[in-house]
Amino acid sequence: MNSELDILSDVLDSLHICGSLLLHESYTAPWAITLPDAGELGQLLNVERGTRAVAFHLVERGHLELVSADASHEQSPLVVEAGEMVICFSGTAHQISQGVNPPRLPVENILLGEPIPFRCSTGTRGSLVCLCGVFYLHDTHLNPLFASLPSVLHAPISQAETFQNLSGVANLIVQELEQRAPGSNFMVERLLELLCAGAVRSYMARLQPQEPSWLKGVRDPIISRALALIHAQPGGDWSVDTLAQQVALSPSRFAARFKDTLGESPMSYVSKWRIHVASRLLNSTEKNISEIASEVGYENLAAFSRAFKRHLDIPPGMWRSQHCT
């Protein structure tokens, strides 16, 4: 396994992606459904603190138009065709719709069981069949992959050449929903996790980043090796010199290449990743703060606390009390 895949696996695993389906419906145009921002959506779904609820929409038949709440009047809607999916990573409130002057229905009304005037009756064929749900992402703070993702990821999963096997995963989800066999809820949730991870991986594979970014870094054979080392040993005794030695470059050439590729210095990245790992340990373990500080490379608790507050705005003890599960 190469270092790029190691890094991607690491950051995907740190997100602890879970999937949940909210709607699998057939609608007749005109119609519109509004969804709140990630914060309100999380409250609506009783999501635990520190978890981000990211809406997704997968079109099985027909098409829909997506408009973000922050879009300008001149901005055209994003059209999502059959065999395509959108994941709204930014968490911005948005509307999905079809047709002219559609009646609007908030998604919370649908989840409360209110009648849907544009839902097709049993046995009739609507103008759209779609699956709408959420991906729950954990520990997104300082996660370099999450920070690099687009506001809305538009994934034409039916295109086998760029979205390998994702159409098969989508088809399995539909089959499970239609068959309703024992264990189908569990199967659908696991398949949704695969769908999200696969969409992100395929997005990375087809991306040709020009500007400095983490995604550009994992594509660089030299920088990706350095990233893999940092991720594998966040508490390592890292410096520009030691990292440069590991990738067989002079310190000056390594530092320049790292900055040109990622847009930040090597030690800035090391610091962010250490605090990201520390925040996860504070959330998920009972280790004391001194142990965690040492584990991520800080011998001095005061220095760790200062770095933690610099990156996440609050001290580690307060973070634990607010986020601990």
C-alpha atoms as a PDB file:
ATOM      1  CA  MET A   1       0.000   0.000   0.000  1.00  0.00           C
ATOM      2  CA  ASN A   2       1.482   3.368  -0.948  1.00  0.00           C
ATOM      3  CA  SER A   3       1.755   6.358   1.361  1.00  0.00           C
ATOM      4  CA  GLU A   4      -1.084   8.241  -0.352  1.00  0.00           C
ATOM      5  CA  LEU A   5      -3.541   5.466   0.480  1.00  0.00           C
ATOM      6  CA  ASP A   6      -2.147   5.174   4.019  1.00  0.00           C
ATOM      7  CA  ILE A   7      -2.765   8.864   4.644  1.00  0.00           C
ATOM      8  CA  LEU A   8      -6.235   8.788   3.120  1.00  0.00           C
ATOM      9  CA  SER A   9      -7.175   5.742   5.188  1.00  0.00           C
ATOM     10  CA  ASP A  10      -5.909   7.500   8.295  1.00  0.00           C
ATOM     11  CA  VAL A  11      -7.914  10.676   7.833  1.00  0.00           C
ATOM     12  CA  LEU A  12     -11.034   8.827   6.658  1.00  0.00           C
ATOM     13  CA  ASP A  13     -10.840   6.586   9.706  1.00  0.00           C
ATOM     14  CA  SER A  14     -10.477   9.608  11.972  1.00  0.00           C
ATOM     15  CA  LEU A  15     -13.786  10.976  10.661  1.00  0.00           C
ATOM     16  CA  HIS A  16     -15.658   7.819  11.798  1.00  0.00           C
ATOM     17  CA  ILE A  17     -18.160   8.194   8.959  1.00  0.00           C
ATOM     18  CA  CYS A  18     -21.668   6.875   9.628  1.00  0.00           C
ATOM     19  CA  GLY A  19     -24.581   7.006   7.204  1.00  0.00           C
ATOM     20  CA  SER A  20     -28.298   7.337   7.801  1.00  0.00           C
ATOM     21  CA  LEU A  21     -31.107   7.455   5.251  1.00  0.00           C
ATOM     22  CA  LEU A  22     -33.893   9.983   5.843  1.00  0.00           C
ATOM     23  CA  LEU A  23     -35.985   9.687   2.676  1.00  0.00           C
ATOM     24  CA  HIS A  24     -36.401   7.299  -0.244  1.00  0.00           C
ATOM     25  CA  GLU A  25     -39.247   8.854  -2.177  1.00  0.00           C
ATOM     26  CA  SER A  26     -40.882   9.336  -5.548  1.00  0.00           C
ATOM     27  CA  TYR A  27     -42.137  12.868  -6.232  1.00  0.00           C
ATOM     28  CA  THR A  28     -44.127  14.566  -8.971  1.00  0.00           C
ATOM     29  CA  ALA A  29     -42.993  18.028 -10.091  1.00  0.00           C
ATOM     30  CA  PRO A  30     -43.261  20.767  -9.058  1.00  0.00           C
ATOM     31  CA  TRP A  31     -41.862  20.197  -5.578  1.00  0.00           C
ATOM     32  CA  ALA A  32     -39.211  21.587  -3.223  1.00  0.00           C
ATOM     33  CA  ILE A  33     -37.692  20.491   0.076  1.00  0.00           C
ATOM     34  CA  THR A  34     -35.665  22.852   2.249  1.00  0.00           C
ATOM     35  CA  LEU A  35     -32.927  21.636   4.573  1.00  0.00           C
ATOM     36  CA  PRO A  36     -31.377  23.656   7.436  1.00  0.00           C
ATOM     37  CA  ASP A  37     -27.670  24.160   7.997  1.00  0.00           C
ATOM     38  CA  ALA A  38     -25.531  21.457   9.596  1.00  0.00           C
ATOM     39  CA  GLY A  39     -26.021  22.816  13.114  1.00  0.00           C
ATOM     40  CA  GLU A  40     -29.817  22.868  12.943  1.00  0.00           C
ATOM     41  CA  LEU A  41     -29.902  19.555  11.094  1.00  0.00           C
ATOM     42  CA  GLY A  42     -27.796  18.004  13.842  1.00  0.00           C
ATOM     43  CA  GLN A  43     -30.181  19.323  16.502  1.00  0.00           C
ATOM     44  CA  LEU A  44     -33.156  18.026  14.538  1.00  0.00           C
ATOM     45  CA  LEU A  45     -31.595  14.558  14.426  1.00  0.00           C
ATOM     46  CA  ASN A  46     -30.350  14.674  18.045  1.00  0.00           C
ATOM     47  CA  VAL A  47     -26.731  14.374  16.975  1.00  0.00           C
ATOM     48  CA  GLU A  48     -24.173  14.232  19.777  1.00  0.00           C
ATOM     49  CA  ARG A  49     -21.891  17.202  20.305  1.00  0.00           C
ATOM     50  CA  GLY A  50     -18.814  17.211  18.083  1.00  0.00           C
ATOM     51  CA  THR A  51     -20.547  15.330  15.265  1.00  0.00           C
ATOM     52  CA  ARG A  52     -21.333  17.056  11.976  1.00  0.00           C
ATOM     53  CA  ALA A  53     -24.471  16.090  10.043  1.00  0.00           C
ATOM     54  CA  VAL A  54     -23.745  16.398   6.315  1.00  0.00           C
ATOM     55  CA  ALA A  55     -26.716  16.079   3.959  1.00  0.00           C
ATOM     56  CA  PHE A  56     -26.509  14.047   0.767  1.00  0.00           C
ATOM     57  CA  HIS A  57     -28.889  13.479  -2.146  1.00  0.00           C
ATOM     58  CA  LEU A  58     -28.676  10.562  -4.572  1.00  0.00           C
ATOM     59  CA  VAL A  59     -30.897  10.669  -7.677  1.00  0.00           C
ATOM     60  CA  GLU A  60     -32.161   7.282  -8.805  1.00  0.00           C
ATOM     61  CA  ARG A  61     -34.454   8.548 -11.574  1.00  0.00           C
ATOM     62  CA  GLY A  62     -35.156  11.988 -13.054  1.00  0.00           C
ATOM     63  CA  HIS A  63     -33.226  15.026 -11.845  1.00  0.00           C
ATOM     64  CA  LEU A  64     -33.282  17.701  -9.159  1.00  0.00           C
ATOM     65  CA  GLU A  65     -31.867  21.194  -8.716  1.00  0.00           C
ATOM     66  CA  LEU A  66     -29.903  22.234  -5.641  1.00  0.00           C
ATOM     67  CA  VAL A  67     -29.588  25.850  -4.506  1.00  0.00           C
ATOM     68  CA  SER A  68     -27.577  26.842  -1.426  1.00  0.00           C
ATOM     69  CA  ALA A  69     -28.979  29.487   0.894  1.00  0.00           C
ATOM     70  CA  ASP A  70     -25.872  31.615   0.372  1.00  0.00           C
ATOM     71  CA  ALA A  71     -26.030  31.479  -3.447  1.00  0.00           C
ATOM     72  CA  SER A  72     -26.447  34.756  -5.332  1.00  0.00           C
ATOM     73  CA  HIS A  73     -29.508  35.394  -7.495  1.00  0.00           C
ATOM     74  CA  GLU A  74     -27.313  35.216 -10.589  1.00  0.00           C
ATOM     75  CA  GLN A  75     -25.930  31.801  -9.659  1.00  0.00           C
ATOM     76  CA  SER A  76     -27.473  28.890 -11.549  1.00  0.00           C
ATOM     77  CA  PRO A  77     -28.787  25.896  -9.595  1.00  0.00           C
ATOM     78  CA  LEU A  78     -26.688  22.741  -9.509  1.00  0.00           C
ATOM     79  CA  VAL A  79     -28.494  20.136 -11.609  1.00  0.00           C
ATOM     80  CA  VAL A  80     -28.171  16.580 -10.299  1.00  0.00           C
ATOM     81  CA  GLU A  81     -29.124  13.928 -12.837  1.00  0.00           C
ATOM     82  CA  ALA A  82     -30.007  10.251 -12.453  1.00  0.00           C
ATOM     83  CA  GLY A  83     -26.975   8.286 -11.308  1.00  0.00           C
ATOM     84  CA  GLU A  84     -25.436  11.311  -9.588  1.00  0.00           C
ATOM     85  CA  MET A  85     -25.014  12.269  -5.950  1.00  0.00           C
ATOM     86  CA  VAL A  86     -24.238  15.473  -4.076  1.00  0.00           C
ATOM     87  CA  ILE A  87     -22.723  15.689  -0.599  1.00  0.00           C
ATOM     88  CA  CYS A  88     -23.072  19.069   1.114  1.00  0.00           C
ATOM     89  CA  PHE A  89     -19.876  19.119   3.169  1.00  0.00           C
ATOM     90  CA  SER A  90     -20.093  22.838   3.954  1.00  0.00           C
ATOM     91  CA  GLY A  91     -23.304  22.262   5.881  1.00  0.00           C
ATOM     92  CA  THR A  92     -24.977  25.296   4.330  1.00  0.00           C
ATOM     93  CA  ALA A  93     -28.769  25.398   4.337  1.00  0.00           C
ATOM     94  CA  HIS A  94     -30.115  24.502   0.908  1.00  0.00           C
ATOM     95  CA  GLN A  95     -33.125  23.594  -1.182  1.00  0.00           C
ATOM     96  CA  ILE A  96     -33.640  20.693  -3.565  1.00  0.00           C
ATOM     97  CA  SER A  97     -36.433  21.063  -6.086  1.00  0.00           C
ATOM     98  CA  GLN A  98     -37.924  20.270  -9.471  1.00  0.00           C
ATOM     99  CA  GLY A  99     -40.220  22.375 -11.612  1.00  0.00           C
ATOM    100  CA  VAL A 100     -41.290  26.020 -11.701  1.00  0.00           C
ATOM    101  CA  ASN A 101     -42.637  27.807  -8.594  1.00  0.00           C
ATOM    102  CA  PRO A 102     -42.710  24.623  -6.513  1.00  0.00           C
ATOM    103  CA  PRO A 103     -44.472  24.313  -3.162  1.00  0.00           C
ATOM    104  CA  ARG A 104     -41.815  24.239  -0.425  1.00  0.00           C
ATOM    105  CA  LEU A 105     -41.787  21.798   2.459  1.00  0.00           C
ATOM    106  CA  PRO A 106     -39.158  21.879   5.243  1.00  0.00           C
ATOM    107  CA  VAL A 107     -37.489  18.520   5.793  1.00  0.00           C
ATOM    108  CA  GLU A 108     -38.308  18.701   9.501  1.00  0.00           C
ATOM    109  CA  ASN A 109     -42.026  18.625   8.627  1.00  0.00           C
ATOM    110  CA  ILE A 110     -41.461  15.473   6.588  1.00  0.00           C
ATOM    111  CA  LEU A 111     -39.522  13.812   9.416  1.00  0.00           C
ATOM    112  CA  LEU A 112     -42.374  14.647  11.796  1.00  0.00           C
ATOM    113  CA  GLY A 113     -44.711  12.659   9.566  1.00  0.00           C
ATOM    114  CA  GLU A 114     -46.663  15.490   7.962  1.00  0.00           C
ATOM    115  CA  PRO A 115     -48.331  14.675   4.611  1.00  0.00           C
ATOM    116  CA  ILE A 116     -46.208  15.312   1.517  1.00  0.00           C
ATOM    117  CA  PRO A 117     -48.478  16.831  -1.148  1.00  0.00           C
ATOM    118  CA  PHE A 118     -46.134  16.000  -4.035  1.00  0.00           C
ATOM    119  CA  ARG A 119     -45.403  12.398  -3.028  1.00  0.00           C
ATOM    120  CA  CYS A 120     -46.504   9.855  -5.616  1.00  0.00           C
ATOM    121  CA  SER A 121     -49.173   7.414  -4.567  1.00  0.00           C
ATOM    122  CA  THR A 122     -48.369   3.714  -4.583  1.00  0.00           C
ATOM    123  CA  GLY A 123     -48.206   2.302  -8.086  1.00  0.00           C
ATOM    124  CA  THR A 124     -47.722   5.636  -9.859  1.00  0.00           C
ATOM    125  CA  ARG A 125     -44.508   6.804 -11.500  1.00  0.00           C
ATOM    126  CA  GLY A 126     -43.174  10.184 -10.401  1.00  0.00           C
ATOM    127  CA  SER A 127     -40.830  12.544 -12.173  1.00  0.00           C
ATOM    128  CA  LEU A 128     -38.103  11.857  -9.604  1.00  0.00           C
ATOM    129  CA  VAL A 129     -36.937   9.066  -7.322  1.00  0.00           C
ATOM    130  CA  CYS A 130     -34.213  10.024  -4.873  1.00  0.00           C
ATOM    131  CA  LEU A 131     -32.523   9.009  -1.671  1.00  0.00           C
ATOM    132  CA  CYS A 132     -31.811  11.743   0.865  1.00  0.00           C
ATOM    133  CA  GLY A 133     -29.878  11.262   4.053  1.00  0.00           C
ATOM    134  CA  VAL A 134     -26.979  12.358   6.195  1.00  0.00           C
ATOM    135  CA  PHE A 135     -23.410  11.338   6.714  1.00  0.00           C
ATOM    136  CA  TYR A 136     -22.319  11.813  10.309  1.00  0.00           C
ATOM    137  CA  LEU A 137     -18.695  12.974  10.471  1.00  0.00           C
ATOM    138  CA  HIS A 138     -16.831  12.997  13.766  1.00  0.00           C
ATOM    139  CA  ASP A 139     -13.803  15.026  14.823  1.00  0.00           C
ATOM    140  CA  THR A 140     -13.767  17.320  11.791  1.00  0.00           C
ATOM    141  CA  HIS A 141     -11.752  19.970  13.667  1.00  0.00           C
ATOM    142  CA  LEU A 142      -8.291  20.298  12.098  1.00  0.00           C
ATOM    143  CA  ASN A 143      -8.930  17.273   9.886  1.00  0.00           C
ATOM    144  CA  PRO A 144      -6.913  18.120   6.749  1.00  0.00           C
ATOM    145  CA  LEU A 145      -9.085  16.062   4.409  1.00  0.00           C
ATOM    146  CA  PHE A 146     -12.324  17.655   5.597  1.00  0.00           C
ATOM    147  CA  ALA A 147     -10.781  21.121   5.282  1.00  0.00           C
ATOM    148  CA  SER A 148      -9.838  20.341   1.668  1.00  0.00           C
ATOM    149  CA  LEU A 149     -13.213  19.064   0.485  1.00  0.00           C
ATOM    150  CA  PRO A 150     -15.472  21.255  -1.677  1.00  0.00           C
ATOM    151  CA  SER A 151     -18.575  22.895  -0.243  1.00  0.00           C
ATOM    152  CA  VAL A 152     -20.679  20.573  -2.398  1.00  0.00           C
ATOM    153  CA  LEU A 153     -19.154  17.406  -3.832  1.00  0.00           C
ATOM    154  CA  HIS A 154     -20.960  16.527  -7.077  1.00  0.00           C
ATOM    155  CA  ALA A 155     -20.297  12.852  -7.794  1.00  0.00           C
ATOM    156  CA  PRO A 156     -21.508  11.299 -11.085  1.00  0.00           C
ATOM    157  CA  ILE A 157     -21.252   7.816  -9.604  1.00  0.00           C
ATOM    158  CA  SER A 158     -22.605   6.143 -12.734  1.00  0.00           C
ATOM    159  CA  GLN A 159     -19.333   7.057 -14.510  1.00  0.00           C
ATOM    160  CA  ALA A 160     -17.399   3.848 -13.964  1.00  0.00           C
ATOM    161  CA  GLU A 161     -14.106   5.250 -15.235  1.00  0.00           C
ATOM    162  CA  THR A 162     -13.818   7.747 -12.379  1.00  0.00           C
ATOM    163  CA  PHE A 163     -16.168   6.427  -9.696  1.00  0.00           C
ATOM    164  CA  GLN A 164     -15.162   2.780  -9.631  1.00  0.00           C
ATOM    165  CA  ASN A 165     -17.751   0.439  -8.097  1.00  0.00           C
ATOM    166  CA  LEU A 166     -19.853   3.259  -6.602  1.00  0.00           C
ATOM    167  CA  SER A 167     -22.791   2.608  -8.915  1.00  0.00           C
ATOM    168  CA  GLY A 168     -22.730  -0.976  -7.641  1.00  0.00           C
ATOM    169  CA  VAL A 169     -22.841   0.260  -4.043  1.00  0.00           C
ATOM    170  CA  ALA A 170     -25.757   2.577  -4.879  1.00  0.00           C
ATOM    171  CA  ASN A 171     -27.604  -0.293  -6.560  1.00  0.00           C
ATOM    172  CA  LEU A 172     -27.099  -2.480  -3.491  1.00  0.00           C
ATOM    173  CA  ILE A 173     -28.573   0.266  -1.301  1.00  0.00           C
ATOM    174  CA  VAL A 174     -31.667   0.461  -3.503  1.00  0.00           C
ATOM    175  CA  GLN A 175     -32.023  -3.338  -3.486  1.00  0.00           C
ATOM    176  CA  GLU A 176     -31.814  -3.462   0.304  1.00  0.00           C
ATOM    177  CA  LEU A 177     -34.449  -0.733   0.593  1.00  0.00           C
ATOM    178  CA  GLU A 178     -36.794  -2.526  -1.781  1.00  0.00           C
ATOM    179  CA  GLN A 179     -36.354  -6.021  -0.353  1.00  0.00           C
ATOM    180  CA  ARG A 180     -36.555  -5.021   3.320  1.00  0.00           C
ATOM    181  CA  ALA A 181     -34.891  -8.273   4.361  1.00  0.00           C
ATOM    182  CA  PRO A 182     -33.871  -8.835   8.001  1.00  0.00           C
ATOM    183  CA  GLY A 183     -30.812  -6.718   8.755  1.00  0.00           C
ATOM    184  CA  SER A 184     -31.464  -4.308   5.888  1.00  0.00           C
ATOM    185  CA  ASN A 185     -31.117  -1.202   8.071  1.00  0.00           C
ATOM    186  CA  PHE A 186     -27.656  -2.315   9.169  1.00  0.00           C
ATOM    187  CA  MET A 187     -26.671  -3.130   5.595  1.00  0.00           C
ATOM    188  CA  VAL A 188     -27.867   0.227   4.262  1.00  0.00           C
ATOM    189  CA  GLU A 189     -25.938   2.165   6.908  1.00  0.00           C
ATOM    190  CA  ARG A 190     -22.705   0.277   6.144  1.00  0.00           C
ATOM    191  CA  LEU A 191     -23.188   0.717   2.393  1.00  0.00           C
ATOM    192  CA  LEU A 192     -23.740   4.444   2.897  1.00  0.00           C
ATOM    193  CA  GLU A 193     -20.395   4.651   4.687  1.00  0.00           C
ATOM    194  CA  LEU A 194     -18.748   2.989   1.686  1.00  0.00           C
ATOM    195  CA  LEU A 195     -20.546   5.376  -0.644  1.00  0.00           C
ATOM    196  CA  CYS A 196     -19.254   8.454   1.192  1.00  0.00           C
ATOM    197  CA  ALA A 197     -15.675   7.186   1.469  1.00  0.00           C
ATOM    198  CA  GLY A 198     -15.709   6.051  -2.159  1.00  0.00           C
ATOM    199  CA  ALA A 199     -17.010   9.404  -3.378  1.00  0.00           C
ATOM    200  CA  VAL A 200     -14.243  11.233  -1.508  1.00  0.00           C
ATOM    201  CA  ARG A 201     -11.554   8.874  -2.802  1.00  0.00           C
ATOM    202  CA  SER A 202     -12.773   9.158  -6.377  1.00  0.00           C
ATOM    203  CA  TYR A 203     -12.973  12.951  -6.081  1.00  0.00           C
ATOM    204  CA  MET A 204      -9.341  12.966  -5.020  1.00  0.00           C
ATOM    205  CA  ALA A 205      -8.334  10.652  -7.860  1.00  0.00           C
ATOM    206  CA  ARG A 206      -9.812  12.881 -10.564  1.00  0.00           C
ATOM    207  CA  LEU A 207      -8.753  16.173  -9.002  1.00  0.00           C
ATOM    208  CA  GLN A 208      -5.896  18.102 -10.548  1.00  0.00           C
ATOM    209  CA  PRO A 209      -5.067  20.605  -7.782  1.00  0.00           C
ATOM    210  CA  GLN A 210      -3.222  23.716  -8.898  1.00  0.00           C
ATOM    211  CA  GLU A 211      -3.264  25.729  -5.687  1.00  0.00           C
ATOM    212  CA  PRO A 212      -1.441  24.582  -2.533  1.00  0.00           C
ATOM    213  CA  SER A 213      -3.619  22.158  -0.562  1.00  0.00           C
ATOM    214  CA  TRP A 214      -3.538  18.955   1.450  1.00  0.00           C
ATOM    215  CA  LEU A 215      -4.997  17.098  -1.535  1.00  0.00           C
ATOM    216  CA  LYS A 216      -2.060  18.284  -3.612  1.00  0.00           C
ATOM    217  CA  GLY A 217       0.281  17.129  -0.870  1.00  0.00           C
ATOM    218  CA  VAL A 218      -0.920  13.531  -0.874  1.00  0.00           C
ATOM    219  CA  ARG A 219      -0.351  13.415  -4.633  1.00  0.00           C
ATOM    220  CA  ASP A 220       3.264  14.541  -4.295  1.00  0.00           C
ATOM    221  CA  PRO A 221       5.566  11.495  -3.909  1.00  0.00           C
ATOM    222  CA  ILE A 222       7.984  13.308  -1.599  1.00  0.00           C
ATOM    223  CA  ILE A 223       5.540  15.275   0.532  1.00  0.00           C
ATOM    224  CA  SER A 224       3.176  12.317   0.906  1.00  0.00           C
ATOM    225  CA  ARG A 225       6.006  10.321   2.478  1.00  0.00           C
ATOM    226  CA  ALA A 226       6.556  13.078   5.010  1.00  0.00           C
ATOM    227  CA  LEU A 227       2.827  13.254   5.739  1.00  0.00           C
ATOM    228  CA  ALA A 228       2.698   9.490   6.245  1.00  0.00           C
ATOM    229  CA  LEU A 229       5.503   9.726   8.800  1.00  0.00           C
ATOM    230  CA  ILE A 230       3.773  12.534  10.700  1.00  0.00           C
ATOM    231  CA  HIS A 231       0.476  10.665  10.736  1.00  0.00           C
ATOM    232  CA  ALA A 232       2.057   7.373  11.787  1.00  0.00           C
ATOM    233  CA  GLN A 233       3.995   8.977  14.656  1.00  0.00           C
ATOM    234  CA  PRO A 234       2.336  12.246  15.733  1.00  0.00           C
ATOM    235  CA  GLY A 235       4.449  12.225  18.890  1.00  0.00           C
ATOM    236  CA  GLY A 236       7.705  11.717  17.029  1.00  0.00           C
ATOM    237  CA  ASP A 237      10.629  14.057  17.537  1.00  0.00           C
ATOM    238  CA  TRP A 238       9.908  15.844  14.287  1.00  0.00           C
ATOM    239  CA  SER A 239      11.727  18.844  12.931  1.00  0.00           C
ATOM    240  CA  VAL A 240      12.371  20.149   9.443  1.00  0.00           C
ATOM    241  CA  ASP A 241      15.782  18.466   9.598  1.00  0.00           C
ATOM    242  CA  THR A 242      14.510  15.030  10.671  1.00  0.00           C
ATOM    243  CA  LEU A 243      11.671  15.015   8.145  1.00  0.00           C
ATOM    244  CA  ALA A 244      13.975  16.185   5.367  1.00  0.00           C
ATOM    245  CA  GLN A 245      16.409  13.404   6.207  1.00  0.00           C
ATOM    246  CA  GLN A 246      13.619  10.814   5.967  1.00  0.00           C
ATOM    247  CA  VAL A 247      12.650  11.923   2.445  1.00  0.00           C
ATOM    248  CA  ALA A 248      16.238  12.453   1.277  1.00  0.00           C
ATOM    249  CA  LEU A 249      16.089  16.199   0.672  1.00  0.00           C
ATOM    250  CA  SER A 250      18.045  19.066   2.140  1.00  0.00           C
ATOM    251  CA  PRO A 251      16.125  20.889   4.906  1.00  0.00           C
ATOM    252  CA  SER A 252      15.803  24.047   2.814  1.00  0.00           C
ATOM    253  CA  ARG A 253      14.530  22.219  -0.289  1.00  0.00           C
ATOM    254  CA  PHE A 254      12.130  20.121   1.776  1.00  0.00           C
ATOM    255  CA  ALA A 255      10.703  23.115   3.648  1.00  0.00           C
ATOM    256  CA  ALA A 256      10.211  25.059   0.412  1.00  0.00           C
ATOM    257  CA  ARG A 257       8.580  22.122  -1.358  1.00  0.00           C
ATOM    258  CA  PHE A 258       6.290  21.438   1.602  1.00  0.00           C
ATOM    259  CA  LYS A 259       5.194  25.085   1.801  1.00  0.00           C
ATOM    260  CA  ASP A 260       4.674  25.324  -1.972  1.00  0.00           C
ATOM    261  CA  THR A 261       2.602  22.122  -1.972  1.00  0.00           C
ATOM    262  CA  LEU A 262       0.483  22.430   1.179  1.00  0.00           C
ATOM    263  CA  GLY A 263       0.526  26.171   1.714  1.00  0.00           C
ATOM    264  CA  GLU A 264       1.935  25.900   5.240  1.00  0.00           C
ATOM    265  CA  SER A 265       5.228  24.997   6.873  1.00  0.00           C
ATOM    266  CA  PRO A 266       6.071  21.426   7.935  1.00  0.00           C
ATOM    267  CA  MET A 267       6.028  22.286  11.637  1.00  0.00           C
ATOM    268  CA  SER A 268       2.707  24.104  11.336  1.00  0.00           C
ATOM    269  CA  TYR A 269       1.234  20.914   9.882  1.00  0.00           C
ATOM    270  CA  VAL A 270       2.853  18.795  12.605  1.00  0.00           C
ATOM    271  CA  SER A 271       1.341  21.048  15.275  1.00  0.00           C
ATOM    272  CA  LYS A 272      -2.150  20.916  13.759  1.00  0.00           C
ATOM    273  CA  TRP A 273      -2.091  17.136  13.368  1.00  0.00           C
ATOM    274  CA  ARG A 274      -0.866  16.649  16.931  1.00  0.00           C
ATOM    275  CA  ILE A 275      -3.698  18.777  18.300  1.00  0.00           C
ATOM    276  CA  HIS A 276      -6.208  16.974  16.075  1.00  0.00           C
ATOM    277  CA  VAL A 277      -5.039  13.625  17.460  1.00  0.00           C
ATOM    278  CA  ALA A 278      -5.087  15.023  20.993  1.00  0.00           C
ATOM    279  CA  SER A 279      -8.667  16.267  20.600  1.00  0.00           C
ATOM    280  CA  ARG A 280      -9.736  12.778  19.506  1.00  0.00           C
ATOM    281  CA  LEU A 281      -7.989  11.196  22.484  1.00  0.00           C
ATOM    282  CA  LEU A 282      -9.676  13.665  24.822  1.00  0.00           C
ATOM    283  CA  ASN A 283     -13.029  12.716  23.312  1.00  0.00           C
ATOM    284  CA  SER A 284     -12.629   8.953  23.288  1.00  0.00           C
ATOM    285  CA  THR A 285     -10.287   7.929  26.122  1.00  0.00           C
ATOM    286  CA  GLU A 286      -9.934   8.396  29.862  1.00  0.00           C
ATOM    287  CA  LYS A 287      -6.237   9.226  29.643  1.00  0.00           C
ATOM    288  CA  ASN A 288      -5.288  12.285  31.635  1.00  0.00           C
ATOM    289  CA  ILE A 289      -4.237  15.419  29.824  1.00  0.00           C
ATOM    290  CA  SER A 290      -0.553  14.989  30.691  1.00  0.00           C
ATOM    291  CA  GLU A 291      -0.536  11.499  29.156  1.00  0.00           C
ATOM    292  CA  ILE A 292      -2.175  12.784  25.990  1.00  0.00           C
ATOM    293  CA  ALA A 293       0.234  15.710  25.769  1.00  0.00           C
ATOM    294  CA  SER A 294       3.185  13.317  25.974  1.00  0.00           C
ATOM    295  CA  GLU A 295       1.628  10.941  23.444  1.00  0.00           C
ATOM    296  CA  VAL A 296       1.400  13.687  20.817  1.00  0.00           C
ATOM    297  CA  GLY A 297       4.907  14.991  21.376  1.00  0.00           C
ATOM    298  CA  TYR A 298       4.648  17.602  24.138  1.00  0.00           C
ATOM    299  CA  GLU A 299       6.847  17.074  27.189  1.00  0.00           C
ATOM    300  CA  ASN A 300       5.609  20.320  28.698  1.00  0.00           C
ATOM    301  CA  LEU A 301       1.925  20.412  29.670  1.00  0.00           C
ATOM    302  CA  ALA A 302       1.831  24.210  29.556  1.00  0.00           C
ATOM    303  CA  ALA A 303       3.177  24.218  25.990  1.00  0.00           C
ATOM    304  CA  PHE A 304       0.569  21.630  25.009  1.00  0.00           C
ATOM    305  CA  SER A 305      -2.246  23.680  26.560  1.00  0.00           C
ATOM    306  CA  ARG A 306      -1.088  26.814  24.757  1.00  0.00           C
ATOM    307  CA  ALA A 307      -0.911  24.990  21.411  1.00  0.00           C
ATOM    308  CA  PHE A 308      -4.310  23.391  21.969  1.00  0.00           C
ATOM    309  CA  LYS A 309      -5.957  26.713  22.759  1.00  0.00           C
ATOM    310  CA  ARG A 310      -4.232  28.379  19.801  1.00  0.00           C
ATOM    311  CA  HIS A 311      -5.728  25.850  17.380  1.00  0.00           C
ATOM    312  CA  LEU A 312      -9.129  25.136  18.971  1.00  0.00           C
ATOM    313  CA  ASP A 313      -9.761  28.323  20.990  1.00  0.00           C
ATOM    314  CA  ILE A 314     -10.345  26.573  24.334  1.00  0.00           C
ATOM    315  CA  PRO A 315      -8.081  24.703  26.801  1.00  0.00           C
ATOM    316  CA  PRO A 316      -7.938  20.887  26.587  1.00  0.00           C
ATOM    317  CA  GLY A 317      -9.801  20.391  29.866  1.00  0.00           C
ATOM    318  CA  MET A 318     -12.723  22.487  28.689  1.00  0.00           C
ATOM    319  CA  TRP A 319     -12.672  20.693  25.330  1.00  0.00           C
ATOM    320  CA  ARG A 320     -13.010  17.343  27.093  1.00  0.00           C
ATOM    321  CA  SER A 321     -15.904  18.528  29.256  1.00  0.00           C
ATOM    322  CA  GLN A 322     -17.746  19.837  26.188  1.00  0.00           C
ATOM    323  CA  HIS A 323     -17.050  16.957  23.791  1.00  0.00           C
ATOM    324  CA  CYS A 324     -16.393  13.839  25.833  1.00  0.00           C
ATOM    325  CA  THR A 325     -18.722  10.959  24.895  1.00  0.00           C
END
